[in-house]
Amino acid sequence: SIFAITDEYNTIAPQANSGALIIGFVVAAIGASAGYLEG
């Protein structure tokens, strides 16, 4: 996901500084869906 979000040629990726927020959401989504497995 990080590679996709930060790829300059991925025109659908979030632009400018919004990428930081989306990466945070990726981390949160992983935790919300699998956090109880092993933290």
All heavy atoms as atom14 arrays in JSON, in Angstrom:
{
  "sequence": "SIFAITDEYNTIAPQANSGALIIGFVVAAIGASAGYLEG",
  "atom14_mask": [
    [1, 1, 1, 1, 1, 1, 0, 0, 0, 0, 0, 0, 0, 0],
    [1, 1, 1, 1, 1, 1, 1, 1, 0, 0, 0, 0, 0, 0],
    [1, 1, 1, 1, 1, 1, 1, 1, 1, 1, 1, 0, 0, 0],
    [1, 1, 1, 1, 1, 0, 0, 0, 0, 0, 0, 0, 0, 0],
    [1, 1, 1, 1, 1, 1, 1, 1, 0, 0, 0, 0, 0, 0],
    [1, 1, 1, 1, 1, 1, 1, 0, 0, 0, 0, 0, 0, 0],
    [1, 1, 1, 1, 1, 1, 1, 1, 0, 0, 0, 0, 0, 0],
    [1, 1, 1, 1, 1, 1, 1, 1, 1, 0, 0, 0, 0, 0],
    [1, 1, 1, 1, 1, 1, 1, 1, 1, 1, 1, 1, 0, 0],
    [1, 1, 1, 1, 1, 1, 1, 1, 0, 0, 0, 0, 0, 0],
    [1, 1, 1, 1, 1, 1, 1, 0, 0, 0, 0, 0, 0, 0],
    [1, 1, 1, 1, 1, 1, 1, 1, 0, 0, 0, 0, 0, 0],
    [1, 1, 1, 1, 1, 0, 0, 0, 0, 0, 0, 0, 0, 0],
    [1, 1, 1, 1, 1, 1, 1, 0, 0, 0, 0, 0, 0, 0],
    [1, 1, 1, 1, 1, 1, 1, 1, 1, 0, 0, 0, 0, 0],
    [1, 1, 1, 1, 1, 0, 0, 0, 0, 0, 0, 0, 0, 0],
    [1, 1, 1, 1, 1, 1, 1, 1, 0, 0, 0, 0, 0, 0],
    [1, 1, 1, 1, 1, 1, 0, 0, 0, 0, 0, 0, 0, 0],
    [1, 1, 1, 1, 0, 0, 0, 0, 0, 0, 0, 0, 0, 0],
    [1, 1, 1, 1, 1, 0, 0, 0, 0, 0, 0, 0, 0, 0],
    [1, 1, 1, 1, 1, 1, 1, 1, 0, 0, 0, 0, 0, 0],
    [1, 1, 1, 1, 1, 1, 1, 1, 0, 0, 0, 0, 0, 0],
    [1, 1, 1, 1, 1, 1, 1, 1, 0, 0, 0, 0, 0, 0],
    [1, 1, 1, 1, 0, 0, 0, 0, 0, 0, 0, 0, 0, 0],
    [1, 1, 1, 1, 1, 1, 1, 1, 1, 1, 1, 0, 0, 0],
    [1, 1, 1, 1, 1, 1, 1, 0, 0, 0, 0, 0, 0, 0],
    [1, 1, 1, 1, 1, 1, 1, 0, 0, 0, 0, 0, 0, 0],
    [1, 1, 1, 1, 1, 0, 0, 0, 0, 0, 0, 0, 0, 0],
    [1, 1, 1, 1, 1, 0, 0, 0, 0, 0, 0, 0, 0, 0],
    [1, 1, 1, 1, 1, 1, 1, 1, 0, 0, 0, 0, 0, 0],
    [1, 1, 1, 1, 0, 0, 0, 0, 0, 0, 0, 0, 0, 0],
    [1, 1, 1, 1, 1, 0, 0, 0, 0, 0, 0, 0, 0, 0],
    [1, 1, 1, 1, 1, 1, 0, 0, 0, 0, 0, 0, 0, 0],
    [1, 1, 1, 1, 1, 0, 0, 0, 0, 0, 0, 0, 0, 0],
    [1, 1, 1, 1, 0, 0, 0, 0, 0, 0, 0, 0, 0, 0],
    [1, 1, 1, 1, 1, 1, 1, 1, 1, 1, 1, 1, 0, 0],
    [1, 1, 1, 1, 1, 1, 1, 1, 0, 0, 0, 0, 0, 0],
    [1, 1, 1, 1, 1, 1, 1, 1, 1, 0, 0, 0, 0, 0],
    [1, 1, 1, 1, 0, 0, 0, 0, 0, 0, 0, 0, 0, 0]
  ],
  "atom14_positions": [
    [[0.82, -1.21, 0.0], [0.0, 0.0, 0.0], [0.86, 1.26, 0.0], [0.56, 2.23, -0.71], [-0.93, -0.01, 1.22], [-1.79, -1.13, 1.21], [0.0, 0.0, 0.0], [0.0, 0.0, 0.0], [0.0, 0.0, 0.0], [0.0, 0.0, 0.0], [0.0, 0.0, 0.0], [0.0, 0.0, 0.0], [0.0, 0.0, 0.0], [0.0, 0.0, 0.0]],
    [[1.93, 1.27, 0.79], [2.82, 2.43, 0.84], [3.44, 2.68, -0.53], [3.53, 3.83, -0.99], [3.91, 2.23, 1.91], [3.29, 2.3, 3.31], [5.01, 3.28, 1.76], [4.27, 1.96, 4.42], [0.0, 0.0, 0.0], [0.0, 0.0, 0.0], [0.0, 0.0, 0.0], [0.0, 0.0, 0.0], [0.0, 0.0, 0.0], [0.0, 0.0, 0.0]],
    [[3.87, 1.62, -1.2], [4.45, 1.78, -2.53], [3.43, 2.38, -3.49], [3.76, 3.22, -4.32], [4.95, 0.43, -3.04], [6.37, 0.12, -2.67], [6.87, 0.46, -1.42], [7.21, -0.54, -3.55], [8.18, 0.18, -1.06], [8.52, -0.82, -3.21], [9.01, -0.47, -1.97], [0.0, 0.0, 0.0], [0.0, 0.0, 0.0], [0.0, 0.0, 0.0]],
    [[2.18, 1.94, -3.38], [1.14, 2.48, -4.25], [0.85, 3.95, -3.94], [0.74, 4.78, -4.85], [-0.14, 1.66, -4.11], [0.0, 0.0, 0.0], [0.0, 0.0, 0.0], [0.0, 0.0, 0.0], [0.0, 0.0, 0.0], [0.0, 0.0, 0.0], [0.0, 0.0, 0.0], [0.0, 0.0, 0.0], [0.0, 0.0, 0.0], [0.0, 0.0, 0.0]],
    [[0.77, 4.28, -2.67], [0.42, 5.63, -2.26], [1.52, 6.63, -2.63], [1.23, 7.79, -2.96], [0.16, 5.67, -0.74], [-1.12, 4.88, -0.42], [0.05, 7.1, -0.21], [-1.3, 4.56, 1.05], [0.0, 0.0, 0.0], [0.0, 0.0, 0.0], [0.0, 0.0, 0.0], [0.0, 0.0, 0.0], [0.0, 0.0, 0.0], [0.0, 0.0, 0.0]],
    [[2.77, 6.17, -2.63], [3.89, 7.09, -2.87], [4.45, 7.01, -4.28], [5.44, 7.68, -4.58], [5.03, 6.8, -1.87], [5.46, 5.44, -2.01], [4.56, 7.03, -0.44], [0.0, 0.0, 0.0], [0.0, 0.0, 0.0], [0.0, 0.0, 0.0], [0.0, 0.0, 0.0], [0.0, 0.0, 0.0], [0.0, 0.0, 0.0], [0.0, 0.0, 0.0]],
    [[3.84, 6.23, -5.15], [4.34, 6.09, -6.52], [3.94, 7.31, -7.34], [2.76, 7.61, -7.51], [3.77, 4.82, -7.15], [4.48, 4.45, -8.45], [4.92, 5.36, -9.18], [4.6, 3.25, -8.72], [0.0, 0.0, 0.0], [0.0, 0.0, 0.0], [0.0, 0.0, 0.0], [0.0, 0.0, 0.0], [0.0, 0.0, 0.0], [0.0, 0.0, 0.0]],
    [[4.91, 8.01, -7.87], [4.65, 9.25, -8.63], [3.85, 8.99, -9.89], [3.2, 9.9, -10.43], [5.96, 9.94, -8.98], [6.87, 9.13, -9.9], [8.14, 9.87, -10.24], [8.07, 11.07, -10.57], [9.23, 9.23, -10.18], [0.0, 0.0, 0.0], [0.0, 0.0, 0.0], [0.0, 0.0, 0.0], [0.0, 0.0, 0.0], [0.0, 0.0, 0.0]],
    [[3.89, 7.77, -10.4], [3.17, 7.46, -11.63], [1.76, 6.92, -11.38], [1.02, 6.66, -12.33], [3.96, 6.44, -12.46], [5.27, 6.98, -12.93], [6.47, 6.51, -12.39], [5.34, 7.97, -13.91], [7.69, 7.01, -12.82], [6.56, 8.48, -14.34], [7.72, 7.99, -13.8], [8.94, 8.5, -14.22], [0.0, 0.0, 0.0], [0.0, 0.0, 0.0]],
    [[1.41, 6.74, -10.11], [0.06, 6.27, -9.78], [-0.85, 7.49, -9.67], [-0.92, 8.15, -8.63], [0.09, 5.49, -8.47], [-1.27, 4.93, -8.1], [-2.24, 5.06, -8.85], [-1.34, 4.29, -6.94], [0.0, 0.0, 0.0], [0.0, 0.0, 0.0], [0.0, 0.0, 0.0], [0.0, 0.0, 0.0], [0.0, 0.0, 0.0], [0.0, 0.0, 0.0]],
    [[-1.55, 7.79, -10.72], [-2.34, 9.03, -10.78], [-3.58, 8.98, -9.88], [-4.19, 10.01, -9.63], [-2.79, 9.3, -12.22], [-3.54, 8.18, -12.71], [-1.59, 9.53, -13.12], [0.0, 0.0, 0.0], [0.0, 0.0, 0.0], [0.0, 0.0, 0.0], [0.0, 0.0, 0.0], [0.0, 0.0, 0.0], [0.0, 0.0, 0.0], [0.0, 0.0, 0.0]],
    [[-3.94, 7.81, -9.4], [-5.09, 7.68, -8.51], [-4.68, 7.83, -7.04], [-5.51, 8.02, -6.16], [-5.79, 6.32, -8.72], [-6.2, 6.18, -10.19], [-7.03, 6.19, -7.87], [-7.14, 7.27, -10.67], [0.0, 0.0, 0.0], [0.0, 0.0, 0.0], [0.0, 0.0, 0.0], [0.0, 0.0, 0.0], [0.0, 0.0, 0.0], [0.0, 0.0, 0.0]],
    [[-3.39, 7.77, -6.77], [-2.91, 7.89, -5.39], [-3.18, 9.28, -4.86], [-3.28, 10.25, -5.63], [-1.41, 7.6, -5.34], [0.0, 0.0, 0.0], [0.0, 0.0, 0.0], [0.0, 0.0, 0.0], [0.0, 0.0, 0.0], [0.0, 0.0, 0.0], [0.0, 0.0, 0.0], [0.0, 0.0, 0.0], [0.0, 0.0, 0.0], [0.0, 0.0, 0.0]],
    [[-3.29, 9.42, -3.53], [-3.5, 10.75, -2.95], [-2.34, 11.67, -3.27], [-1.18, 11.25, -3.31], [-3.57, 10.47, -1.44], [-2.9, 9.16, -1.27], [-3.19, 8.37, -2.51], [0.0, 0.0, 0.0], [0.0, 0.0, 0.0], [0.0, 0.0, 0.0], [0.0, 0.0, 0.0], [0.0, 0.0, 0.0], [0.0, 0.0, 0.0], [0.0, 0.0, 0.0]],
    [[-2.65, 12.9, -3.52], [-1.64, 13.86, -3.95], [-1.11, 14.67, -2.78], [-1.76, 14.8, -1.73], [-2.23, 14.8, -5.01], [-2.76, 14.06, -6.24], [-1.7, 13.25, -6.95], [-0.64, 13.77, -7.29], [-1.99, 11.97, -7.18], [0.0, 0.0, 0.0], [0.0, 0.0, 0.0], [0.0, 0.0, 0.0], [0.0, 0.0, 0.0], [0.0, 0.0, 0.0]],
    [[0.08, 15.23, -2.98], [0.72, 16.13, -2.02], [0.77, 15.51, -0.63], [1.1, 14.34, -0.46], [0.0, 17.48, -2.01], [0.0, 0.0, 0.0], [0.0, 0.0, 0.0], [0.0, 0.0, 0.0], [0.0, 0.0, 0.0], [0.0, 0.0, 0.0], [0.0, 0.0, 0.0], [0.0, 0.0, 0.0], [0.0, 0.0, 0.0], [0.0, 0.0, 0.0]],
    [[0.42, 16.28, 0.41], [0.61, 15.85, 1.78], [-0.47, 14.93, 2.31], [-0.38, 14.46, 3.44], [0.71, 17.08, 2.7], [1.92, 17.92, 2.38], [2.93, 17.41, 1.93], [1.82, 19.22, 2.61], [0.0, 0.0, 0.0], [0.0, 0.0, 0.0], [0.0, 0.0, 0.0], [0.0, 0.0, 0.0], [0.0, 0.0, 0.0], [0.0, 0.0, 0.0]],
    [[-1.5, 14.66, 1.51], [-2.57, 13.79, 2.0], [-2.14, 12.34, 2.08], [-2.8, 11.52, 2.73], [-3.8, 13.92, 1.11], [-3.49, 13.56, -0.23], [0.0, 0.0, 0.0], [0.0, 0.0, 0.0], [0.0, 0.0, 0.0], [0.0, 0.0, 0.0], [0.0, 0.0, 0.0], [0.0, 0.0, 0.0], [0.0, 0.0, 0.0], [0.0, 0.0, 0.0]],
    [[-1.02, 11.99, 1.45], [-0.53, 10.63, 1.51], [-0.25, 10.18, 2.93], [-0.47, 9.01, 3.27], [0.0, 0.0, 0.0], [0.0, 0.0, 0.0], [0.0, 0.0, 0.0], [0.0, 0.0, 0.0], [0.0, 0.0, 0.0], [0.0, 0.0, 0.0], [0.0, 0.0, 0.0], [0.0, 0.0, 0.0], [0.0, 0.0, 0.0], [0.0, 0.0, 0.0]],
    [[0.21, 11.09, 3.78], [0.49, 10.74, 5.18], [-0.77, 10.28, 5.9], [-0.74, 9.32, 6.68], [1.09, 11.94, 5.91], [0.0, 0.0, 0.0], [0.0, 0.0, 0.0], [0.0, 0.0, 0.0], [0.0, 0.0, 0.0], [0.0, 0.0, 0.0], [0.0, 0.0, 0.0], [0.0, 0.0, 0.0], [0.0, 0.0, 0.0], [0.0, 0.0, 0.0]],
    [[-1.88, 10.93, 5.62], [-3.14, 10.56, 6.25], [-3.6, 9.19, 5.77], [-4.06, 8.36, 6.57], [-4.2, 11.62, 5.96], [-5.57, 11.41, 6.61], [-5.45, 11.39, 8.13], [-6.54, 12.51, 6.16], [0.0, 0.0, 0.0], [0.0, 0.0, 0.0], [0.0, 0.0, 0.0], [0.0, 0.0, 0.0], [0.0, 0.0, 0.0], [0.0, 0.0, 0.0]],
    [[-3.46, 8.94, 4.48], [-3.91, 7.67, 3.93], [-3.05, 6.52, 4.46], [-3.56, 5.43, 4.76], [-3.91, 7.7, 2.39], [-4.76, 8.87, 1.89], [-4.4, 6.38, 1.82], [-6.2, 8.86, 2.4], [0.0, 0.0, 0.0], [0.0, 0.0, 0.0], [0.0, 0.0, 0.0], [0.0, 0.0, 0.0], [0.0, 0.0, 0.0], [0.0, 0.0, 0.0]],
    [[-1.75, 6.72, 4.57], [-0.89, 5.68, 5.15], [-1.32, 5.4, 6.58], [-1.37, 4.24, 7.01], [0.58, 6.1, 5.09], [1.07, 6.11, 3.63], [1.46, 5.16, 5.92], [2.46, 6.68, 3.44], [0.0, 0.0, 0.0], [0.0, 0.0, 0.0], [0.0, 0.0, 0.0], [0.0, 0.0, 0.0], [0.0, 0.0, 0.0], [0.0, 0.0, 0.0]],
    [[-1.66, 6.43, 7.33], [-2.18, 6.22, 8.68], [-3.45, 5.4, 8.68], [-3.65, 4.52, 9.53], [0.0, 0.0, 0.0], [0.0, 0.0, 0.0], [0.0, 0.0, 0.0], [0.0, 0.0, 0.0], [0.0, 0.0, 0.0], [0.0, 0.0, 0.0], [0.0, 0.0, 0.0], [0.0, 0.0, 0.0], [0.0, 0.0, 0.0], [0.0, 0.0, 0.0]],
    [[-4.32, 5.66, 7.72], [-5.56, 4.89, 7.62], [-5.27, 3.43, 7.27], [-5.99, 2.53, 7.71], [-6.49, 5.5, 6.57], [-7.22, 6.73, 7.05], [-7.6, 7.71, 6.15], [-7.55, 6.89, 8.37], [-8.28, 8.85, 6.58], [-8.23, 8.01, 8.82], [-8.61, 9.0, 7.92], [0.0, 0.0, 0.0], [0.0, 0.0, 0.0], [0.0, 0.0, 0.0]],
    [[-4.24, 3.19, 6.46], [-3.86, 1.8, 6.15], [-3.46, 1.08, 7.43], [-3.91, -0.06, 7.68], [-2.71, 1.76, 5.12], [-2.18, 0.34, 4.96], [-3.17, 2.3, 3.77], [0.0, 0.0, 0.0], [0.0, 0.0, 0.0], [0.0, 0.0, 0.0], [0.0, 0.0, 0.0], [0.0, 0.0, 0.0], [0.0, 0.0, 0.0], [0.0, 0.0, 0.0]],
    [[-2.62, 1.71, 8.24], [-2.21, 1.11, 9.51], [-3.43, 0.85, 10.4], [-3.56, -0.22, 11.01], [-1.2, 2.03, 10.23], [-0.9, 1.51, 11.64], [0.09, 2.13, 9.42], [0.0, 0.0, 0.0], [0.0, 0.0, 0.0], [0.0, 0.0, 0.0], [0.0, 0.0, 0.0], [0.0, 0.0, 0.0], [0.0, 0.0, 0.0], [0.0, 0.0, 0.0]],
    [[-4.33, 1.83, 10.47], [-5.54, 1.67, 11.28], [-6.42, 0.54, 10.76], [-6.97, -0.24, 11.54], [-6.32, 2.98, 11.31], [0.0, 0.0, 0.0], [0.0, 0.0, 0.0], [0.0, 0.0, 0.0], [0.0, 0.0, 0.0], [0.0, 0.0, 0.0], [0.0, 0.0, 0.0], [0.0, 0.0, 0.0], [0.0, 0.0, 0.0], [0.0, 0.0, 0.0]],
    [[-6.55, 0.43, 9.45], [-7.38, -0.62, 8.87], [-6.8, -2.0, 9.16], [-7.55, -2.95, 9.45], [-7.52, -0.41, 7.36], [0.0, 0.0, 0.0], [0.0, 0.0, 0.0], [0.0, 0.0, 0.0], [0.0, 0.0, 0.0], [0.0, 0.0, 0.0], [0.0, 0.0, 0.0], [0.0, 0.0, 0.0], [0.0, 0.0, 0.0], [0.0, 0.0, 0.0]],
    [[-5.49, -2.11, 9.1], [-4.85, -3.39, 9.43], [-5.14, -3.75, 10.88], [-5.49, -4.89, 11.2], [-3.34, -3.33, 9.17], [-3.06, -3.19, 7.67], [-2.64, -4.57, 9.72], [-1.6, -2.91, 7.34], [0.0, 0.0, 0.0], [0.0, 0.0, 0.0], [0.0, 0.0, 0.0], [0.0, 0.0, 0.0], [0.0, 0.0, 0.0], [0.0, 0.0, 0.0]],
    [[-5.02, -2.77, 11.77], [-5.29, -3.03, 13.18], [-6.73, -3.38, 13.45], [-7.04, -4.3, 14.23], [0.0, 0.0, 0.0], [0.0, 0.0, 0.0], [0.0, 0.0, 0.0], [0.0, 0.0, 0.0], [0.0, 0.0, 0.0], [0.0, 0.0, 0.0], [0.0, 0.0, 0.0], [0.0, 0.0, 0.0], [0.0, 0.0, 0.0], [0.0, 0.0, 0.0]],
    [[-7.64, -2.68, 12.81], [-9.06, -2.91, 13.03], [-9.5, -4.28, 12.52], [-10.43, -4.88, 13.04], [-9.89, -1.82, 12.36], [0.0, 0.0, 0.0], [0.0, 0.0, 0.0], [0.0, 0.0, 0.0], [0.0, 0.0, 0.0], [0.0, 0.0, 0.0], [0.0, 0.0, 0.0], [0.0, 0.0, 0.0], [0.0, 0.0, 0.0], [0.0, 0.0, 0.0]],
    [[-8.81, -4.77, 11.5], [-9.21, -6.05, 10.89], [-8.43, -7.24, 11.41], [-8.88, -8.38, 11.3], [-9.05, -5.98, 9.37], [-7.71, -5.71, 9.01], [0.0, 0.0, 0.0], [0.0, 0.0, 0.0], [0.0, 0.0, 0.0], [0.0, 0.0, 0.0], [0.0, 0.0, 0.0], [0.0, 0.0, 0.0], [0.0, 0.0, 0.0], [0.0, 0.0, 0.0]],
    [[-7.24, -7.0, 11.99], [-6.39, -8.13, 12.4], [-5.63, -7.89, 13.69], [-4.77, -8.7, 14.05], [-5.41, -8.46, 11.27], [0.0, 0.0, 0.0], [0.0, 0.0, 0.0], [0.0, 0.0, 0.0], [0.0, 0.0, 0.0], [0.0, 0.0, 0.0], [0.0, 0.0, 0.0], [0.0, 0.0, 0.0], [0.0, 0.0, 0.0], [0.0, 0.0, 0.0]],
    [[-5.93, -6.83, 14.41], [-5.16, -6.48, 15.59], [-5.2, -7.51, 16.7], [-4.22, -7.68, 17.43], [0.0, 0.0, 0.0], [0.0, 0.0, 0.0], [0.0, 0.0, 0.0], [0.0, 0.0, 0.0], [0.0, 0.0, 0.0], [0.0, 0.0, 0.0], [0.0, 0.0, 0.0], [0.0, 0.0, 0.0], [0.0, 0.0, 0.0], [0.0, 0.0, 0.0]],
    [[-6.3, -8.21, 16.84], [-6.43, -9.18, 17.93], [-5.61, -10.45, 17.69], [-5.42, -11.24, 18.61], [-7.89, -9.54, 18.15], [-8.58, -8.73, 19.22], [-8.2, -7.42, 19.46], [-9.61, -9.27, 19.98], [-8.82, -6.65, 20.43], [-10.25, -8.51, 20.97], [-9.85, -7.2, 21.18], [-10.46, -6.46, 22.16], [0.0, 0.0, 0.0], [0.0, 0.0, 0.0]],
    [[-5.14, -10.67, 16.48], [-4.39, -11.89, 16.19], [-3.08, -11.94, 16.97], [-2.79, -12.92, 17.65], [-4.11, -12.0, 14.69], [-5.33, -12.29, 13.81], [-4.96, -12.17, 12.34], [-5.89, -13.67, 14.12], [0.0, 0.0, 0.0], [0.0, 0.0, 0.0], [0.0, 0.0, 0.0], [0.0, 0.0, 0.0], [0.0, 0.0, 0.0], [0.0, 0.0, 0.0]],
    [[-2.27, -10.88, 16.85], [-1.02, -10.83, 17.61], [-0.54, -9.4, 17.81], [0.63, -9.15, 18.02], [0.1, -11.65, 16.93], [0.57, -11.16, 15.58], [-0.33, -11.59, 14.44], [-0.99, -12.64, 14.57], [-0.4, -10.86, 13.45], [0.0, 0.0, 0.0], [0.0, 0.0, 0.0], [0.0, 0.0, 0.0], [0.0, 0.0, 0.0], [0.0, 0.0, 0.0]],
    [[-1.49, -8.45, 17.77], [-1.12, -7.07, 18.06], [-0.61, -6.28, 16.88], [-0.2, -5.14, 17.04], [0.0, 0.0, 0.0], [0.0, 0.0, 0.0], [0.0, 0.0, 0.0], [0.0, 0.0, 0.0], [0.0, 0.0, 0.0], [0.0, 0.0, 0.0], [0.0, 0.0, 0.0], [0.0, 0.0, 0.0], [0.0, 0.0, 0.0], [0.0, 0.0, 0.0]]
  ]
}
